[in-house]
Amino acid sequence: MQHKRILIFDEYGFARVCSAFLESAGYEAEIATTLDGLPPALNYQKSGLIITSYPFGAPLFEEIKKRGISTIILSDDFDENLVTTLKEFNNSYCMMKPLDYEKFRSLVRQVMSGELNTQGGCHFVV
């Protein structure tokens, strides 16, 4: 498997916690908390996964969909706007907060290792 990093685009506090959690599991994580803080072109050649939240990450959604990078979207609420937004994704998962960190770690591991075929829309993880 080619080594790829995880890009976390979220609020600072959660991004730091998420990064530490993923790094302790052996992943290389990169944090961006503003659009200006994103790596050039989102480092699509290096990112194997993007983790963001809804609605925080909404400004990136069009670009993510174009690129087809595996994405985990986290949300506090499950509503019609979220469902409509996620229908347009082709390669993603959605988890509701508060996170079950063991399920989250398992999902990240499966996506990063290629065990899951995320093609075909957005899948909700409960």
C-alpha atoms as a PDB file:
ATOM      1  CA  MET A   1       0.000   0.000   0.000  1.00  0.00           C
ATOM      2  CA  GLN A   2       1.257   3.462  -0.868  1.00  0.00           C
ATOM      3  CA  HIS A   3       1.777   5.633   2.212  1.00  0.00           C
ATOM      4  CA  LYS A   4      -0.674   8.507   2.218  1.00  0.00           C
ATOM      5  CA  ARG A   5      -1.556  11.133   4.727  1.00  0.00           C
ATOM      6  CA  ILE A   6      -4.859  12.161   6.188  1.00  0.00           C
ATOM      7  CA  LEU A   7      -5.960  15.768   5.773  1.00  0.00           C
ATOM      8  CA  ILE A   8      -8.117  17.067   8.617  1.00  0.00           C
ATOM      9  CA  PHE A   9     -10.088  20.204   7.780  1.00  0.00           C
ATOM     10  CA  ASP A  10     -12.046  21.205  10.852  1.00  0.00           C
ATOM     11  CA  GLU A  11     -12.250  23.522  13.831  1.00  0.00           C
ATOM     12  CA  TYR A  12      -8.914  23.849  15.638  1.00  0.00           C
ATOM     13  CA  GLY A  13      -9.805  21.999  18.851  1.00  0.00           C
ATOM     14  CA  PHE A  14     -11.257  18.950  17.157  1.00  0.00           C
ATOM     15  CA  ALA A  15      -8.570  18.936  14.461  1.00  0.00           C
ATOM     16  CA  ARG A  16      -5.821  18.761  17.128  1.00  0.00           C
ATOM     17  CA  VAL A  17      -7.554  15.968  19.038  1.00  0.00           C
ATOM     18  CA  CYS A  18      -8.278  14.052  15.837  1.00  0.00           C
ATOM     19  CA  SER A  19      -4.706  14.478  14.608  1.00  0.00           C
ATOM     20  CA  ALA A  20      -3.230  13.223  17.892  1.00  0.00           C
ATOM     21  CA  PHE A  21      -5.633  10.288  17.930  1.00  0.00           C
ATOM     22  CA  LEU A  22      -4.769   9.279  14.353  1.00  0.00           C
ATOM     23  CA  GLU A  23      -1.037   9.794  14.804  1.00  0.00           C
ATOM     24  CA  SER A  24      -1.121   7.529  17.877  1.00  0.00           C
ATOM     25  CA  ALA A  25      -2.669   4.914  15.563  1.00  0.00           C
ATOM     26  CA  GLY A  26       0.260   5.297  13.149  1.00  0.00           C
ATOM     27  CA  TYR A  27      -1.134   7.685  10.536  1.00  0.00           C
ATOM     28  CA  GLU A  28       0.410  10.868   9.213  1.00  0.00           C
ATOM     29  CA  ALA A  29      -2.131  13.645   9.703  1.00  0.00           C
ATOM     30  CA  GLU A  30      -2.071  17.185   8.364  1.00  0.00           C
ATOM     31  CA  ILE A  31      -4.324  19.873   9.842  1.00  0.00           C
ATOM     32  CA  ALA A  32      -5.969  22.819   8.137  1.00  0.00           C
ATOM     33  CA  THR A  33      -8.440  24.982  10.041  1.00  0.00           C
ATOM     34  CA  THR A  34      -9.014  27.691   7.428  1.00  0.00           C
ATOM     35  CA  LEU A  35      -9.256  27.665   3.650  1.00  0.00           C
ATOM     36  CA  ASP A  36      -6.043  29.712   3.612  1.00  0.00           C
ATOM     37  CA  GLY A  37      -4.380  27.009   5.680  1.00  0.00           C
ATOM     38  CA  LEU A  38      -5.048  24.268   3.172  1.00  0.00           C
ATOM     39  CA  PRO A  39      -2.050  22.778   1.424  1.00  0.00           C
ATOM     40  CA  PRO A  40      -1.711  23.724  -2.257  1.00  0.00           C
ATOM     41  CA  ALA A  41      -4.413  21.984  -4.279  1.00  0.00           C
ATOM     42  CA  LEU A  42      -5.222  20.056  -1.064  1.00  0.00           C
ATOM     43  CA  ASN A  43      -2.180  17.838  -1.773  1.00  0.00           C
ATOM     44  CA  TYR A  44      -4.448  15.433  -3.604  1.00  0.00           C
ATOM     45  CA  GLN A  45      -1.492  13.351  -4.699  1.00  0.00           C
ATOM     46  CA  LYS A  46      -0.558  12.748  -1.071  1.00  0.00           C
ATOM     47  CA  SER A  47      -3.908  12.652   0.718  1.00  0.00           C
ATOM     48  CA  GLY A  48      -5.553   9.277   1.029  1.00  0.00           C
ATOM     49  CA  LEU A  49      -8.387  10.562   3.157  1.00  0.00           C
ATOM     50  CA  ILE A  50      -9.987  13.871   4.087  1.00  0.00           C
ATOM     51  CA  ILE A  51     -11.763  14.223   7.417  1.00  0.00           C
ATOM     52  CA  THR A  52     -14.038  17.215   7.834  1.00  0.00           C
ATOM     53  CA  SER A  53     -17.344  18.141   9.391  1.00  0.00           C
ATOM     54  CA  TYR A  54     -20.641  19.519   8.232  1.00  0.00           C
ATOM     55  CA  PRO A  55     -21.204  22.420   7.823  1.00  0.00           C
ATOM     56  CA  PHE A  56     -17.594  23.494   8.577  1.00  0.00           C
ATOM     57  CA  GLY A  57     -16.170  21.712   5.539  1.00  0.00           C
ATOM     58  CA  ALA A  58     -18.922  22.721   3.119  1.00  0.00           C
ATOM     59  CA  PRO A  59     -16.690  25.231   1.270  1.00  0.00           C
ATOM     60  CA  LEU A  60     -14.497  22.274   0.224  1.00  0.00           C
ATOM     61  CA  PHE A  61     -17.233  19.875  -0.810  1.00  0.00           C
ATOM     62  CA  GLU A  62     -17.322  20.768  -4.517  1.00  0.00           C
ATOM     63  CA  GLU A  63     -13.559  20.377  -4.830  1.00  0.00           C
ATOM     64  CA  ILE A  64     -13.571  17.108  -2.885  1.00  0.00           C
ATOM     65  CA  LYS A  65     -16.342  15.700  -5.093  1.00  0.00           C
ATOM     66  CA  LYS A  66     -14.420  16.626  -8.259  1.00  0.00           C
ATOM     67  CA  ARG A  67     -11.294  14.878  -7.005  1.00  0.00           C
ATOM     68  CA  GLY A  68     -13.002  11.753  -5.697  1.00  0.00           C
ATOM     69  CA  ILE A  69     -10.841  11.469  -2.599  1.00  0.00           C
ATOM     70  CA  SER A  70     -12.164   9.272   0.186  1.00  0.00           C
ATOM     71  CA  THR A  71     -13.831  11.504   2.759  1.00  0.00           C
ATOM     72  CA  ILE A  72     -15.231  11.083   6.236  1.00  0.00           C
ATOM     73  CA  ILE A  73     -17.770  13.776   7.087  1.00  0.00           C
ATOM     74  CA  LEU A  74     -18.739  14.247  10.712  1.00  0.00           C
ATOM     75  CA  SER A  75     -21.945  15.959  11.771  1.00  0.00           C
ATOM     76  CA  ASP A  76     -23.803  16.924  14.929  1.00  0.00           C
ATOM     77  CA  ASP A  77     -27.203  16.667  13.292  1.00  0.00           C
ATOM     78  CA  PHE A  78     -28.850  14.505  10.690  1.00  0.00           C
ATOM     79  CA  ASP A  79     -31.153  16.659   8.594  1.00  0.00           C
ATOM     80  CA  GLU A  80     -32.501  17.027   5.064  1.00  0.00           C
ATOM     81  CA  ASN A  81     -29.752  19.478   4.030  1.00  0.00           C
ATOM     82  CA  LEU A  82     -27.055  17.033   5.070  1.00  0.00           C
ATOM     83  CA  VAL A  83     -28.694  14.133   3.243  1.00  0.00           C
ATOM     84  CA  THR A  84     -29.089  16.234   0.080  1.00  0.00           C
ATOM     85  CA  THR A  85     -25.448  17.327   0.266  1.00  0.00           C
ATOM     86  CA  LEU A  86     -24.149  13.820   0.830  1.00  0.00           C
ATOM     87  CA  LYS A  87     -26.117  12.335  -2.080  1.00  0.00           C
ATOM     88  CA  GLU A  88     -23.735  14.170  -4.393  1.00  0.00           C
ATOM     89  CA  PHE A  89     -20.620  12.488  -2.952  1.00  0.00           C
ATOM     90  CA  ASN A  90     -19.160   9.466  -4.618  1.00  0.00           C
ATOM     91  CA  ASN A  91     -16.536   8.287  -2.200  1.00  0.00           C
ATOM     92  CA  SER A  92     -17.478   9.099   1.376  1.00  0.00           C
ATOM     93  CA  TYR A  93     -18.714   8.110   4.802  1.00  0.00           C
ATOM     94  CA  CYS A  94     -20.702  10.081   7.343  1.00  0.00           C
ATOM     95  CA  MET A  95     -20.517   9.613  11.100  1.00  0.00           C
ATOM     96  CA  MET A  96     -22.579  11.422  13.687  1.00  0.00           C
ATOM     97  CA  LYS A  97     -21.027  13.138  16.700  1.00  0.00           C
ATOM     98  CA  PRO A  98     -20.274  12.390  19.420  1.00  0.00           C
ATOM     99  CA  LEU A  99     -17.873   9.924  17.860  1.00  0.00           C
ATOM    100  CA  ASP A 100     -17.395   6.342  18.862  1.00  0.00           C
ATOM    101  CA  TYR A 101     -13.609   6.542  18.569  1.00  0.00           C
ATOM    102  CA  GLU A 102     -13.144   2.799  18.124  1.00  0.00           C
ATOM    103  CA  LYS A 103     -15.575   2.783  15.174  1.00  0.00           C
ATOM    104  CA  PHE A 104     -13.892   5.911  13.849  1.00  0.00           C
ATOM    105  CA  ARG A 105     -10.419   4.335  14.074  1.00  0.00           C
ATOM    106  CA  SER A 106     -11.714   1.169  12.413  1.00  0.00           C
ATOM    107  CA  LEU A 107     -13.317   3.142   9.582  1.00  0.00           C
ATOM    108  CA  VAL A 108     -10.120   5.141   9.006  1.00  0.00           C
ATOM    109  CA  ARG A 109      -8.054   1.938   8.968  1.00  0.00           C
ATOM    110  CA  GLN A 110     -10.385   0.273   6.474  1.00  0.00           C
ATOM    111  CA  VAL A 111     -10.495   3.293   4.149  1.00  0.00           C
ATOM    112  CA  MET A 112      -6.728   3.860   4.285  1.00  0.00           C
ATOM    113  CA  SER A 113      -5.921   0.190   3.693  1.00  0.00           C
ATOM    114  CA  GLY A 114      -8.324  -0.098   0.770  1.00  0.00           C
ATOM    115  CA  GLU A 115     -10.441  -2.735   2.525  1.00  0.00           C
ATOM    116  CA  LEU A 116     -13.586  -0.753   1.813  1.00  0.00           C
ATOM    117  CA  ASN A 117     -14.940   0.083  -1.579  1.00  0.00           C
ATOM    118  CA  THR A 118     -16.285   3.562  -0.985  1.00  0.00           C
ATOM    119  CA  GLN A 119     -17.345   4.088  -4.563  1.00  0.00           C
ATOM    120  CA  GLY A 120     -21.024   4.637  -5.028  1.00  0.00           C
ATOM    121  CA  GLY A 121     -22.212   7.463  -2.829  1.00  0.00           C
ATOM    122  CA  CYS A 122     -22.068   8.309   0.807  1.00  0.00           C
ATOM    123  CA  HIS A 123     -22.405   5.603   3.419  1.00  0.00           C
ATOM    124  CA  PHE A 124     -23.677   6.348   6.908  1.00  0.00           C
ATOM    125  CA  VAL A 125     -21.814   4.693   9.770  1.00  0.00           C
ATOM    126  CA  VAL A 126     -23.868   4.226  12.901  1.00  0.00           C
END
